[in-house]
Amino acid sequence: MLETLLTTAAGAVSATVGVLVGGVVTRRATERQWLRDQQLVAYQELFGHYAKFTMELRRAHGDRRGWDYDWGEWSAALMRVSLVAPPGIAAEIDAFGRAVGSFLDQVARTRDPLRDPVSPEEFERARAAPAQAQVKLVNAIRRSLSRDRSGLPFGIGG
């Protein structure tokens, strides 16, 4: 009788421990998946804004026309990505942001596309630093989200 009771109790304890451990493991996996999903959305938004304002500036200078962009949205995208990016990615985002700032100094803050447009060659020279920073950032993101260790040797878009 005692042996049966001990066996039953041990089985019940084992089942309870299994359920608790399974719950913890499942919760952690769910939290990791949620964070990964949030990171992907933030990264996509950041690159989307970069591509939009880069194209707007390129067209404005090429067409010798004015331009407008909601810089609050760019700042908000940077803030949102800073909330979910791991430290290594955040450092690459900072470098990308500084390169974008230099680009903006050259084509947006000091040059007026109506009176002093940059040439296509000047535009591409100004865009070189953010393009390189973008490739480094994309590769860091790819490494953090997958097992892709080789990365891309070139940039796409922007």
C-alpha atoms as a PDB file:
ATOM      1  CA  MET A   1       0.000   0.000   0.000  1.00  0.00           C
ATOM      2  CA  LEU A   2       2.786   2.474   0.952  1.00  0.00           C
ATOM      3  CA  GLU A   3       4.676   1.605  -2.202  1.00  0.00           C
ATOM      4  CA  THR A   4       1.617   2.355  -4.347  1.00  0.00           C
ATOM      5  CA  LEU A   5       1.041   5.641  -2.534  1.00  0.00           C
ATOM      6  CA  LEU A   6       4.694   6.705  -3.017  1.00  0.00           C
ATOM      7  CA  THR A   7       4.633   5.735  -6.674  1.00  0.00           C
ATOM      8  CA  THR A   8       1.426   7.687  -7.239  1.00  0.00           C
ATOM      9  CA  ALA A   9       2.772  10.732  -5.345  1.00  0.00           C
ATOM     10  CA  ALA A  10       6.058  10.623  -7.266  1.00  0.00           C
ATOM     11  CA  GLY A  11       4.135  10.451 -10.539  1.00  0.00           C
ATOM     12  CA  ALA A  12       1.954  13.398  -9.530  1.00  0.00           C
ATOM     13  CA  VAL A  13       4.990  15.458  -8.483  1.00  0.00           C
ATOM     14  CA  SER A  14       6.795  14.595 -11.721  1.00  0.00           C
ATOM     15  CA  ALA A  15       3.768  15.589 -13.789  1.00  0.00           C
ATOM     16  CA  THR A  16       3.411  18.875 -11.874  1.00  0.00           C
ATOM     17  CA  VAL A  17       7.107  19.695 -12.308  1.00  0.00           C
ATOM     18  CA  GLY A  18       6.843  18.845 -16.008  1.00  0.00           C
ATOM     19  CA  VAL A  19       3.873  21.158 -16.448  1.00  0.00           C
ATOM     20  CA  LEU A  20       5.663  23.993 -14.607  1.00  0.00           C
ATOM     21  CA  VAL A  21       8.893  23.574 -16.571  1.00  0.00           C
ATOM     22  CA  GLY A  22       6.935  23.331 -19.825  1.00  0.00           C
ATOM     23  CA  GLY A  23       5.076  26.529 -18.955  1.00  0.00           C
ATOM     24  CA  VAL A  24       8.314  28.396 -18.249  1.00  0.00           C
ATOM     25  CA  VAL A  25       9.952  27.137 -21.447  1.00  0.00           C
ATOM     26  CA  THR A  26       6.868  27.979 -23.513  1.00  0.00           C
ATOM     27  CA  ARG A  27       6.596  31.448 -21.976  1.00  0.00           C
ATOM     28  CA  ARG A  28      10.262  32.177 -22.691  1.00  0.00           C
ATOM     29  CA  ALA A  29       9.906  30.968 -26.277  1.00  0.00           C
ATOM     30  CA  THR A  30       6.794  33.125 -26.713  1.00  0.00           C
ATOM     31  CA  GLU A  31       8.575  36.170 -25.284  1.00  0.00           C
ATOM     32  CA  ARG A  32      11.569  35.610 -27.591  1.00  0.00           C
ATOM     33  CA  GLN A  33       9.267  35.276 -30.600  1.00  0.00           C
ATOM     34  CA  TRP A  34       7.366  38.438 -29.599  1.00  0.00           C
ATOM     35  CA  LEU A  35      10.631  40.377 -29.252  1.00  0.00           C
ATOM     36  CA  ARG A  36      11.895  39.085 -32.594  1.00  0.00           C
ATOM     37  CA  ASP A  37       8.630  40.134 -34.247  1.00  0.00           C
ATOM     38  CA  GLN A  38       8.897  43.597 -32.672  1.00  0.00           C
ATOM     39  CA  GLN A  39      12.500  43.903 -33.805  1.00  0.00           C
ATOM     40  CA  LEU A  40      11.602  43.004 -37.388  1.00  0.00           C
ATOM     41  CA  VAL A  41       8.812  45.594 -37.474  1.00  0.00           C
ATOM     42  CA  ALA A  42      11.102  48.288 -36.027  1.00  0.00           C
ATOM     43  CA  TYR A  43      13.937  47.463 -38.438  1.00  0.00           C
ATOM     44  CA  GLN A  44      11.572  47.462 -41.425  1.00  0.00           C
ATOM     45  CA  GLU A  45      10.147  50.803 -40.363  1.00  0.00           C
ATOM     46  CA  LEU A  46      13.604  52.331 -39.951  1.00  0.00           C
ATOM     47  CA  PHE A  47      14.780  51.197 -43.383  1.00  0.00           C
ATOM     48  CA  GLY A  48      11.451  52.202 -44.923  1.00  0.00           C
ATOM     49  CA  HIS A  49      11.827  55.767 -43.692  1.00  0.00           C
ATOM     50  CA  TYR A  50      15.437  55.903 -44.852  1.00  0.00           C
ATOM     51  CA  ALA A  51      14.457  54.740 -48.343  1.00  0.00           C
ATOM     52  CA  LYS A  52      11.564  57.214 -48.521  1.00  0.00           C
ATOM     53  CA  PHE A  53      13.489  60.321 -47.578  1.00  0.00           C
ATOM     54  CA  THR A  54      16.498  59.316 -49.667  1.00  0.00           C
ATOM     55  CA  MET A  55      14.299  58.939 -52.734  1.00  0.00           C
ATOM     56  CA  GLU A  56      12.484  62.202 -51.953  1.00  0.00           C
ATOM     57  CA  LEU A  57      15.789  64.054 -51.734  1.00  0.00           C
ATOM     58  CA  ARG A  58      17.127  62.423 -54.905  1.00  0.00           C
ATOM     59  CA  ARG A  59      14.004  63.418 -56.840  1.00  0.00           C
ATOM     60  CA  ALA A  60      13.965  66.946 -55.399  1.00  0.00           C
ATOM     61  CA  HIS A  61      17.546  67.601 -56.485  1.00  0.00           C
ATOM     62  CA  GLY A  62      17.065  65.919 -59.861  1.00  0.00           C
ATOM     63  CA  ASP A  63      13.850  67.807 -60.595  1.00  0.00           C
ATOM     64  CA  ARG A  64      15.019  71.078 -58.997  1.00  0.00           C
ATOM     65  CA  ARG A  65      11.953  71.246 -56.795  1.00  0.00           C
ATOM     66  CA  GLY A  66      11.166  71.608 -53.122  1.00  0.00           C
ATOM     67  CA  TRP A  67      10.724  68.666 -50.825  1.00  0.00           C
ATOM     68  CA  ASP A  68       9.160  67.855 -47.497  1.00  0.00           C
ATOM     69  CA  TYR A  69       9.523  64.972 -45.114  1.00  0.00           C
ATOM     70  CA  ASP A  70       8.074  64.239 -41.680  1.00  0.00           C
ATOM     71  CA  TRP A  71      11.293  64.115 -39.663  1.00  0.00           C
ATOM     72  CA  GLY A  72       9.270  63.352 -36.558  1.00  0.00           C
ATOM     73  CA  GLU A  73       8.495  59.958 -38.053  1.00  0.00           C
ATOM     74  CA  TRP A  74      12.217  59.317 -38.655  1.00  0.00           C
ATOM     75  CA  SER A  75      12.984  60.254 -35.048  1.00  0.00           C
ATOM     76  CA  ALA A  76      10.120  58.091 -33.805  1.00  0.00           C
ATOM     77  CA  ALA A  77      11.407  55.137 -35.867  1.00  0.00           C
ATOM     78  CA  LEU A  78      14.844  55.577 -34.300  1.00  0.00           C
ATOM     79  CA  MET A  79      13.297  55.656 -30.828  1.00  0.00           C
ATOM     80  CA  ARG A  80      11.155  52.569 -31.470  1.00  0.00           C
ATOM     81  CA  VAL A  81      14.106  50.580 -32.760  1.00  0.00           C
ATOM     82  CA  SER A  82      16.161  51.625 -29.725  1.00  0.00           C
ATOM     83  CA  LEU A  83      13.543  50.004 -27.485  1.00  0.00           C
ATOM     84  CA  VAL A  84      13.936  46.534 -28.981  1.00  0.00           C
ATOM     85  CA  ALA A  85      17.431  46.368 -30.483  1.00  0.00           C
ATOM     86  CA  PRO A  86      20.122  44.452 -28.605  1.00  0.00           C
ATOM     87  CA  PRO A  87      23.243  46.485 -27.693  1.00  0.00           C
ATOM     88  CA  GLY A  88      25.323  45.394 -30.700  1.00  0.00           C
ATOM     89  CA  ILE A  89      22.553  46.312 -33.115  1.00  0.00           C
ATOM     90  CA  ALA A  90      21.937  49.594 -31.285  1.00  0.00           C
ATOM     91  CA  ALA A  91      25.602  50.509 -31.817  1.00  0.00           C
ATOM     92  CA  GLU A  92      25.256  49.825 -35.558  1.00  0.00           C
ATOM     93  CA  ILE A  93      22.030  51.864 -35.645  1.00  0.00           C
ATOM     94  CA  ASP A  94      23.888  54.739 -34.001  1.00  0.00           C
ATOM     95  CA  ALA A  95      26.648  54.531 -36.641  1.00  0.00           C
ATOM     96  CA  PHE A  96      23.997  54.380 -39.381  1.00  0.00           C
ATOM     97  CA  GLY A  97      22.221  57.403 -37.885  1.00  0.00           C
ATOM     98  CA  ARG A  98      25.462  59.394 -37.780  1.00  0.00           C
ATOM     99  CA  ALA A  99      26.180  58.496 -41.424  1.00  0.00           C
ATOM    100  CA  VAL A 100      22.648  59.537 -42.387  1.00  0.00           C
ATOM    101  CA  GLY A 101      23.194  62.819 -40.523  1.00  0.00           C
ATOM    102  CA  SER A 102      26.328  63.489 -42.568  1.00  0.00           C
ATOM    103  CA  PHE A 103      24.419  62.687 -45.747  1.00  0.00           C
ATOM    104  CA  LEU A 104      21.649  65.098 -44.745  1.00  0.00           C
ATOM    105  CA  ASP A 105      24.233  67.794 -44.023  1.00  0.00           C
ATOM    106  CA  GLN A 106      25.490  67.462 -47.587  1.00  0.00           C
ATOM    107  CA  VAL A 107      22.214  67.212 -49.516  1.00  0.00           C
ATOM    108  CA  ALA A 108      19.423  68.580 -47.331  1.00  0.00           C
ATOM    109  CA  ARG A 109      20.590  70.992 -44.670  1.00  0.00           C
ATOM    110  CA  THR A 110      23.094  73.045 -46.657  1.00  0.00           C
ATOM    111  CA  ARG A 111      21.875  72.631 -50.235  1.00  0.00           C
ATOM    112  CA  ASP A 112      18.605  73.874 -51.691  1.00  0.00           C
ATOM    113  CA  PRO A 113      17.404  71.741 -54.604  1.00  0.00           C
ATOM    114  CA  LEU A 114      15.699  74.792 -56.162  1.00  0.00           C
ATOM    115  CA  ARG A 115      18.705  77.122 -56.160  1.00  0.00           C
ATOM    116  CA  ASP A 116      21.711  74.880 -55.535  1.00  0.00           C
ATOM    117  CA  PRO A 117      20.904  71.252 -56.403  1.00  0.00           C
ATOM    118  CA  VAL A 118      23.483  68.548 -55.982  1.00  0.00           C
ATOM    119  CA  SER A 119      24.456  66.642 -59.089  1.00  0.00           C
ATOM    120  CA  PRO A 120      23.718  62.914 -59.323  1.00  0.00           C
ATOM    121  CA  GLU A 121      27.431  62.266 -58.756  1.00  0.00           C
ATOM    122  CA  GLU A 122      27.511  64.483 -55.653  1.00  0.00           C
ATOM    123  CA  PHE A 123      24.396  62.759 -54.381  1.00  0.00           C
ATOM    124  CA  GLU A 124      25.984  59.325 -54.759  1.00  0.00           C
ATOM    125  CA  ARG A 125      29.197  60.474 -53.047  1.00  0.00           C
ATOM    126  CA  ALA A 126      27.137  61.842 -50.147  1.00  0.00           C
ATOM    127  CA  ARG A 127      25.137  58.609 -49.978  1.00  0.00           C
ATOM    128  CA  ALA A 128      28.230  56.365 -49.857  1.00  0.00           C
ATOM    129  CA  ALA A 129      28.740  56.527 -46.079  1.00  0.00           C
ATOM    130  CA  PRO A 130      25.120  55.746 -45.148  1.00  0.00           C
ATOM    131  CA  ALA A 131      25.061  53.003 -47.783  1.00  0.00           C
ATOM    132  CA  GLN A 132      28.098  51.334 -46.180  1.00  0.00           C
ATOM    133  CA  ALA A 133      26.610  51.804 -42.699  1.00  0.00           C
ATOM    134  CA  GLN A 134      23.346  50.320 -43.953  1.00  0.00           C
ATOM    135  CA  VAL A 135      25.120  47.179 -45.192  1.00  0.00           C
ATOM    136  CA  LYS A 136      26.872  46.782 -41.829  1.00  0.00           C
ATOM    137  CA  LEU A 137      23.586  47.281 -39.984  1.00  0.00           C
ATOM    138  CA  VAL A 138      21.658  44.866 -42.198  1.00  0.00           C
ATOM    139  CA  ASN A 139      24.331  42.215 -41.739  1.00  0.00           C
ATOM    140  CA  ALA A 140      24.376  42.719 -37.963  1.00  0.00           C
ATOM    141  CA  ILE A 141      20.587  42.355 -37.923  1.00  0.00           C
ATOM    142  CA  ARG A 142      20.743  39.239 -40.092  1.00  0.00           C
ATOM    143  CA  ARG A 143      23.311  37.702 -37.735  1.00  0.00           C
ATOM    144  CA  SER A 144      21.199  38.528 -34.682  1.00  0.00           C
ATOM    145  CA  LEU A 145      18.001  37.077 -36.141  1.00  0.00           C
ATOM    146  CA  SER A 146      19.371  33.983 -37.844  1.00  0.00           C
ATOM    147  CA  ARG A 147      22.403  31.848 -38.273  1.00  0.00           C
ATOM    148  CA  ASP A 148      23.476  33.829 -41.355  1.00  0.00           C
ATOM    149  CA  ARG A 149      27.116  34.566 -40.573  1.00  0.00           C
ATOM    150  CA  SER A 150      28.252  35.498 -44.075  1.00  0.00           C
ATOM    151  CA  GLY A 151      25.977  38.505 -44.589  1.00  0.00           C
ATOM    152  CA  LEU A 152      25.530  40.517 -47.743  1.00  0.00           C
ATOM    153  CA  PRO A 153      28.498  42.128 -49.494  1.00  0.00           C
ATOM    154  CA  PHE A 154      26.274  44.851 -50.986  1.00  0.00           C
ATOM    155  CA  GLY A 155      23.352  47.074 -50.094  1.00  0.00           C
ATOM    156  CA  ILE A 156      19.862  46.743 -51.486  1.00  0.00           C
ATOM    157  CA  GLY A 157      17.645  49.807 -51.762  1.00  0.00           C
ATOM    158  CA  GLY A 158      18.145  53.173 -50.160  1.00  0.00           C
END
